[in-house]
PDB file of N, CA and C in Angstrom:
ATOM      1  N   MET A   1      62.382 111.377 123.890  1.00  0.00           N
ATOM      2  CA  MET A   1      63.209 110.369 123.257  1.00  0.00           C
ATOM      3  C   MET A   1      63.713 109.394 124.328  1.00  0.00           C
ATOM      4  N   ALA A   2      63.589 108.111 124.077  1.00  0.00           N
ATOM      5  CA  ALA A   2      64.008 107.091 125.037  1.00  0.00           C
ATOM      6  C   ALA A   2      65.525 106.984 125.075  1.00  0.00           C
ATOM      7  N   GLU A   3      66.055 106.701 126.256  1.00  0.00           N
ATOM      8  CA  GLU A   3      67.500 106.522 126.414  1.00  0.00           C
ATOM      9  C   GLU A   3      67.920 105.206 125.764  1.00  0.00           C
ATOM     10  N   SER A   4      69.068 105.217 125.101  1.00  0.00           N
ATOM     11  CA  SER A   4      69.570 104.009 124.451  1.00  0.00           C
ATOM     12  C   SER A   4      69.996 102.987 125.487  1.00  0.00           C
ATOM     13  N   GLU A   5      69.711 101.733 125.197  1.00  0.00           N
ATOM     14  CA  GLU A   5      70.159 100.649 126.058  1.00  0.00           C
ATOM     15  C   GLU A   5      71.507 100.162 125.574  1.00  0.00           C
ATOM     16  N   GLU A   6      72.356  99.769 126.503  1.00  0.00           N
ATOM     17  CA  GLU A   6      73.665  99.221 126.142  1.00  0.00           C
ATOM     18  C   GLU A   6      73.557  97.731 125.935  1.00  0.00           C
ATOM     19  N   ILE A   7      74.337  97.238 125.008  1.00  0.00           N
ATOM     20  CA  ILE A   7      74.474  95.811 124.752  1.00  0.00           C
ATOM     21  C   ILE A   7      75.945  95.485 124.931  1.00  0.00           C
ATOM     22  N   ASN A   8      76.274  94.488 125.703  1.00  0.00           N
ATOM     23  CA  ASN A   8      77.657  94.080 125.917  1.00  0.00           C
ATOM     24  C   ASN A   8      77.919  92.768 125.199  1.00  0.00           C
ATOM     25  N   ILE A   9      79.060  92.692 124.573  1.00  0.00           N
ATOM     26  CA  ILE A   9      79.495  91.479 123.899  1.00  0.00           C
ATOM     27  C   ILE A   9      80.804  91.052 124.540  1.00  0.00           C
ATOM     28  N   LYS A  10      80.895  89.806 124.959  1.00  0.00           N
ATOM     29  CA  LYS A  10      82.121  89.312 125.576  1.00  0.00           C
ATOM     30  C   LYS A  10      82.981  88.629 124.517  1.00  0.00           C
ATOM     31  N   LEU A  11      84.253  89.008 124.505  1.00  0.00           N
ATOM     32  CA  LEU A  11      85.233  88.412 123.610  1.00  0.00           C
ATOM     33  C   LEU A  11      86.470  88.065 124.416  1.00  0.00           C
ATOM     34  N   THR A  12      87.166  87.029 123.986  1.00  0.00           N
ATOM     35  CA  THR A  12      88.471  86.786 124.580  1.00  0.00           C
ATOM     36  C   THR A  12      89.419  87.846 124.048  1.00  0.00           C
ATOM     37  N   LYS A  13      90.577  87.989 124.666  1.00  0.00           N
ATOM     38  CA  LYS A  13      91.571  88.963 124.188  1.00  0.00           C
ATOM     39  C   LYS A  13      91.961  88.641 122.749  1.00  0.00           C
ATOM     40  N   ASP A  14      92.177  87.350 122.454  1.00  0.00           N
ATOM     41  CA  ASP A  14      92.544  86.956 121.091  1.00  0.00           C
ATOM     42  C   ASP A  14      91.441  87.293 120.095  1.00  0.00           C
ATOM     43  N   GLU A  15      90.196  87.040 120.459  1.00  0.00           N
ATOM     44  CA  GLU A  15      89.076  87.366 119.576  1.00  0.00           C
ATOM     45  C   GLU A  15      88.994  88.867 119.339  1.00  0.00           C
ATOM     46  N   ALA A  16      89.204  89.649 120.381  1.00  0.00           N
ATOM     47  CA  ALA A  16      89.162  91.110 120.246  1.00  0.00           C
ATOM     48  C   ALA A  16      90.283  91.607 119.334  1.00  0.00           C
ATOM     49  N   LEU A  17      91.459  91.012 119.449  1.00  0.00           N
ATOM     50  CA  LEU A  17      92.577  91.398 118.577  1.00  0.00           C
ATOM     51  C   LEU A  17      92.284  91.066 117.119  1.00  0.00           C
ATOM     52  N   VAL A  18      91.732  89.887 116.869  1.00  0.00           N
ATOM     53  CA  VAL A  18      91.386  89.502 115.491  1.00  0.00           C
ATOM     54  C   VAL A  18      90.315  90.445 114.939  1.00  0.00           C
ATOM     55  N   LEU A  19      89.299  90.738 115.734  1.00  0.00           N
ATOM     56  CA  LEU A  19      88.242  91.645 115.297  1.00  0.00           C
ATOM     57  C   LEU A  19      88.796  93.038 115.032  1.00  0.00           C
ATOM     58  N   PHE A  20      89.667  93.521 115.917  1.00  0.00           N
ATOM     59  CA  PHE A  20      90.277  94.834 115.723  1.00  0.00           C
ATOM     60  C   PHE A  20      91.080  94.886 114.427  1.00  0.00           C
ATOM     61  N   GLU A  21      91.899  93.859 114.184  1.00  0.00           N
ATOM     62  CA  GLU A  21      92.706  93.823 112.958  1.00  0.00           C
ATOM     63  C   GLU A  21      91.815  93.839 111.722  1.00  0.00           C
ATOM     64  N   PHE A  22      90.755  93.035 111.749  1.00  0.00           N
ATOM     65  CA  PHE A  22      89.842  92.980 110.607  1.00  0.00           C
ATOM     66  C   PHE A  22      89.163  94.323 110.364  1.00  0.00           C
ATOM     67  N   ILE A  23      88.595  94.896 111.422  1.00  0.00           N
ATOM     68  CA  ILE A  23      87.882  96.167 111.263  1.00  0.00           C
ATOM     69  C   ILE A  23      88.837  97.282 110.859  1.00  0.00           C
ATOM     70  N   SER A  24      90.051  97.282 111.401  1.00  0.00           N
ATOM     71  CA  SER A  24      91.039  98.304 111.029  1.00  0.00           C
ATOM     72  C   SER A  24      91.349  98.239 109.535  1.00  0.00           C
ATOM     73  N   ARG A  25      91.592  97.024 109.037  1.00  0.00           N
ATOM     74  CA  ARG A  25      91.860  96.864 107.597  1.00  0.00           C
ATOM     75  C   ARG A  25      90.636  97.244 106.777  1.00  0.00           C
ATOM     76  N   PHE A  26      89.474  96.829 107.227  1.00  0.00           N
ATOM     77  CA  PHE A  26      88.225  97.129 106.530  1.00  0.00           C
ATOM     78  C   PHE A  26      88.019  98.636 106.421  1.00  0.00           C
ATOM     79  N   ASN A  27      88.264  99.351 107.507  1.00  0.00           N
ATOM     80  CA  ASN A  27      88.027 100.792 107.534  1.00  0.00           C
ATOM     81  C   ASN A  27      89.062 101.588 106.736  1.00  0.00           C
ATOM     82  N   GLU A  28      90.160 100.961 106.347  1.00  0.00           N
ATOM     83  CA  GLU A  28      91.188 101.657 105.568  1.00  0.00           C
ATOM     84  C   GLU A  28      90.802 101.822 104.101  1.00  0.00           C
ATOM     85  N   THR A  29      89.801 101.100 103.643  1.00  0.00           N
ATOM     86  CA  THR A  29      89.397 101.183 102.235  1.00  0.00           C
ATOM     87  C   THR A  29      87.915 101.514 102.129  1.00  0.00           C
ATOM     88  N   GLU A  30      87.512 101.941 100.945  1.00  0.00           N
ATOM     89  CA  GLU A  30      86.115 102.299 100.681  1.00  0.00           C
ATOM     90  C   GLU A  30      85.283 101.041 100.466  1.00  0.00           C
ATOM     91  N   HIS A  31      84.110 101.003 101.070  1.00  0.00           N
ATOM     92  CA  HIS A  31      83.177  99.886 100.901  1.00  0.00           C
ATOM     93  C   HIS A  31      81.753 100.421 100.782  1.00  0.00           C
ATOM     94  N   LYS A  32      81.582 101.508 100.066  1.00  0.00           N
ATOM     95  CA  LYS A  32      80.275 102.157  99.983  1.00  0.00           C
ATOM     96  C   LYS A  32      79.170 101.214  99.517  1.00  0.00           C
ATOM     97  N   GLU A  33      79.523 100.280  98.643  1.00  0.00           N
ATOM     98  CA  GLU A  33      78.512  99.380  98.087  1.00  0.00           C
ATOM     99  C   GLU A  33      77.960  98.397  99.130  1.00  0.00           C
ATOM    100  N   LEU A  34      78.663  98.212 100.230  1.00  0.00           N
ATOM    101  CA  LEU A  34      78.226  97.267 101.260  1.00  0.00           C
ATOM    102  C   LEU A  34      77.213  97.857 102.228  1.00  0.00           C
ATOM    103  N   PHE A  35      77.191  99.176 102.350  1.00  0.00           N
ATOM    104  CA  PHE A  35      76.355  99.819 103.357  1.00  0.00           C
ATOM    105  C   PHE A  35      75.051 100.316 102.751  1.00  0.00           C
ATOM    106  N   GLN A  36      73.969 100.014 103.444  1.00  0.00           N
ATOM    107  CA  GLN A  36      72.671 100.524 103.017  1.00  0.00           C
ATOM    108  C   GLN A  36      72.404 101.905 103.598  1.00  0.00           C
ATOM    109  N   ASP A  37      73.105 102.239 104.683  1.00  0.00           N
ATOM    110  CA  ASP A  37      72.903 103.518 105.341  1.00  0.00           C
ATOM    111  C   ASP A  37      74.224 103.978 105.940  1.00  0.00           C
ATOM    112  N   GLN A  38      74.410 105.272 106.032  1.00  0.00           N
ATOM    113  CA  GLN A  38      75.629 105.861 106.586  1.00  0.00           C
ATOM    114  C   GLN A  38      75.865 105.411 108.034  1.00  0.00           C
ATOM    115  N   SER A  39      74.803 105.121 108.766  1.00  0.00           N
ATOM    116  CA  SER A  39      74.947 104.700 110.163  1.00  0.00           C
ATOM    117  C   SER A  39      75.665 103.356 110.274  1.00  0.00           C
ATOM    118  N   GLU A  40      75.535 102.483 109.282  1.00  0.00           N
ATOM    119  CA  GLU A  40      76.242 101.203 109.301  1.00  0.00           C
ATOM    120  C   GLU A  40      77.752 101.428 109.214  1.00  0.00           C
ATOM    121  N   HIS A  41      78.155 102.327 108.346  1.00  0.00           N
ATOM    122  CA  HIS A  41      79.575 102.646 108.201  1.00  0.00           C
ATOM    123  C   HIS A  41      80.104 103.293 109.480  1.00  0.00           C
ATOM    124  N   LYS A  42      79.321 104.171 110.058  1.00  0.00           N
ATOM    125  CA  LYS A  42      79.714 104.833 111.296  1.00  0.00           C
ATOM    126  C   LYS A  42      79.934 103.813 112.414  1.00  0.00           C
ATOM    127  N   MET A  43      79.111 102.786 112.471  1.00  0.00           N
ATOM    128  CA  MET A  43      79.251 101.769 113.516  1.00  0.00           C
ATOM    129  C   MET A  43      80.576 101.028 113.395  1.00  0.00           C
ATOM    130  N   MET A  44      81.050 100.794 112.179  1.00  0.00           N
ATOM    131  CA  MET A  44      82.350 100.131 112.009  1.00  0.00           C
ATOM    132  C   MET A  44      83.461 100.991 112.612  1.00  0.00           C
ATOM    133  N   TRP A  45      83.384 102.310 112.424  1.00  0.00           N
ATOM    134  CA  TRP A  45      84.383 103.210 113.007  1.00  0.00           C
ATOM    135  C   TRP A  45      84.273 103.238 114.523  1.00  0.00           C
ATOM    136  N   LEU A  46      83.043 103.226 115.030  1.00  0.00           N
ATOM    137  CA  LEU A  46      82.846 103.265 116.484  1.00  0.00           C
ATOM    138  C   LEU A  46      83.358 101.990 117.160  1.00  0.00           C
ATOM    139  N   ILE A  47      83.112 100.838 116.543  1.00  0.00           N
ATOM    140  CA  ILE A  47      83.602  99.574 117.107  1.00  0.00           C
ATOM    141  C   ILE A  47      85.124  99.571 117.120  1.00  0.00           C
ATOM    142  N   GLU A  48      85.740 100.034 116.042  1.00  0.00           N
ATOM    143  CA  GLU A  48      87.204 100.112 115.999  1.00  0.00           C
ATOM    144  C   GLU A  48      87.717 101.007 117.130  1.00  0.00           C
ATOM    145  N   GLY A  49      87.080 102.128 117.333  1.00  0.00           N
ATOM    146  CA  GLY A  49      87.487 103.050 118.393  1.00  0.00           C
ATOM    147  C   GLY A  49      87.350 102.447 119.779  1.00  0.00           C
ATOM    148  N   GLN A  50      86.279 101.707 120.009  1.00  0.00           N
ATOM    149  CA  GLN A  50      86.088 101.062 121.309  1.00  0.00           C
ATOM    150  C   GLN A  50      87.175 100.015 121.554  1.00  0.00           C
ATOM    151  N   LEU A  51      87.522  99.260 120.532  1.00  0.00           N
ATOM    152  CA  LEU A  51      88.577  98.258 120.678  1.00  0.00           C
ATOM    153  C   LEU A  51      89.935  98.925 120.901  1.00  0.00           C
ATOM    154  N   GLN A  52      90.174 100.059 120.242  1.00  0.00           N
ATOM    155  CA  GLN A  52      91.432 100.793 120.443  1.00  0.00           C
ATOM    156  C   GLN A  52      91.601 101.202 121.898  1.00  0.00           C
ATOM    157  N   LYS A  53      90.506 101.540 122.547  1.00  0.00           N
ATOM    158  CA  LYS A  53      90.558 101.989 123.936  1.00  0.00           C
ATOM    159  C   LYS A  53      90.988 100.885 124.897  1.00  0.00           C
ATOM    160  N   ILE A  54      90.699  99.631 124.556  1.00  0.00           N
ATOM    161  CA  ILE A  54      90.964  98.551 125.507  1.00  0.00           C
ATOM    162  C   ILE A  54      92.131  97.648 125.113  1.00  0.00           C
ATOM    163  N   LEU A  55      92.626  97.762 123.895  1.00  0.00           N
ATOM    164  CA  LEU A  55      93.715  96.901 123.440  1.00  0.00           C
ATOM    165  C   LEU A  55      95.014  97.692 123.347  1.00  0.00           C
ATOM    166  N   ALA A  56      96.016  97.277 124.086  1.00  0.00           N
ATOM    167  CA  ALA A  56      97.320  97.930 124.021  1.00  0.00           C
ATOM    168  C   ALA A  56      98.230  97.253 123.003  1.00  0.00           C
ATOM    169  N   GLU A  57      98.037  95.957 122.789  1.00  0.00           N
ATOM    170  CA  GLU A  57      98.946  95.162 121.962  1.00  0.00           C
ATOM    171  C   GLU A  57      99.176  95.728 120.556  1.00  0.00           C
ATOM    172  N   PRO A  58      98.141  96.126 119.825  1.00  0.00           N
ATOM    173  CA  PRO A  58      98.378  96.602 118.457  1.00  0.00           C
ATOM    174  C   PRO A  58      99.256  97.859 118.363  1.00  0.00           C
ATOM    175  N   PHE A  59      99.456  98.537 119.474  1.00  0.00           N
ATOM    176  CA  PHE A  59     100.200  99.781 119.459  1.00  0.00           C
ATOM    177  C   PHE A  59     101.601  99.638 120.046  1.00  0.00           C
ATOM    178  N   ARG A  60     101.968  98.410 120.365  1.00  0.00           N
ATOM    179  CA  ARG A  60     103.322  98.151 120.856  1.00  0.00           C
ATOM    180  C   ARG A  60     104.274  97.972 119.673  1.00  0.00           C
ATOM    181  N   PRO A  61     105.512  98.412 119.808  1.00  0.00           N
ATOM    182  CA  PRO A  61     106.483  98.309 118.699  1.00  0.00           C
ATOM    183  C   PRO A  61     106.768  96.871 118.265  1.00  0.00           C
ATOM    184  N   ASP A  62     106.627  95.911 119.181  1.00  0.00           N
ATOM    185  CA  ASP A  62     106.935  94.516 118.835  1.00  0.00           C
ATOM    186  C   ASP A  62     105.713  93.722 118.373  1.00  0.00           C
ATOM    187  N   TYR A  63     104.555  94.388 118.197  1.00  0.00           N
ATOM    188  CA  TYR A  63     103.336  93.708 117.752  1.00  0.00           C
ATOM    189  C   TYR A  63     103.402  93.412 116.260  1.00  0.00           C
ATOM    190  N   ARG A  64     103.004  92.203 115.896  1.00  0.00           N
ATOM    191  CA  ARG A  64     102.954  91.871 114.467  1.00  0.00           C
ATOM    192  C   ARG A  64     101.650  91.236 114.101  1.00  0.00           C
TER     193      ARG A  64
END
């Protein structure tokens, strides 16, 4: 089996925050009809997790 290649996407901090907010809200509700395969849904959770690792702002008490 071949090793997976990494793909990097560059975002500004503001873009990453907007994407995180969107994906977080998206993942809070069911969207089964949008996904053709379970792996697509899994990727939304993985992207949210990666953004959580690098963004401190959404977890601060004064964040809105």
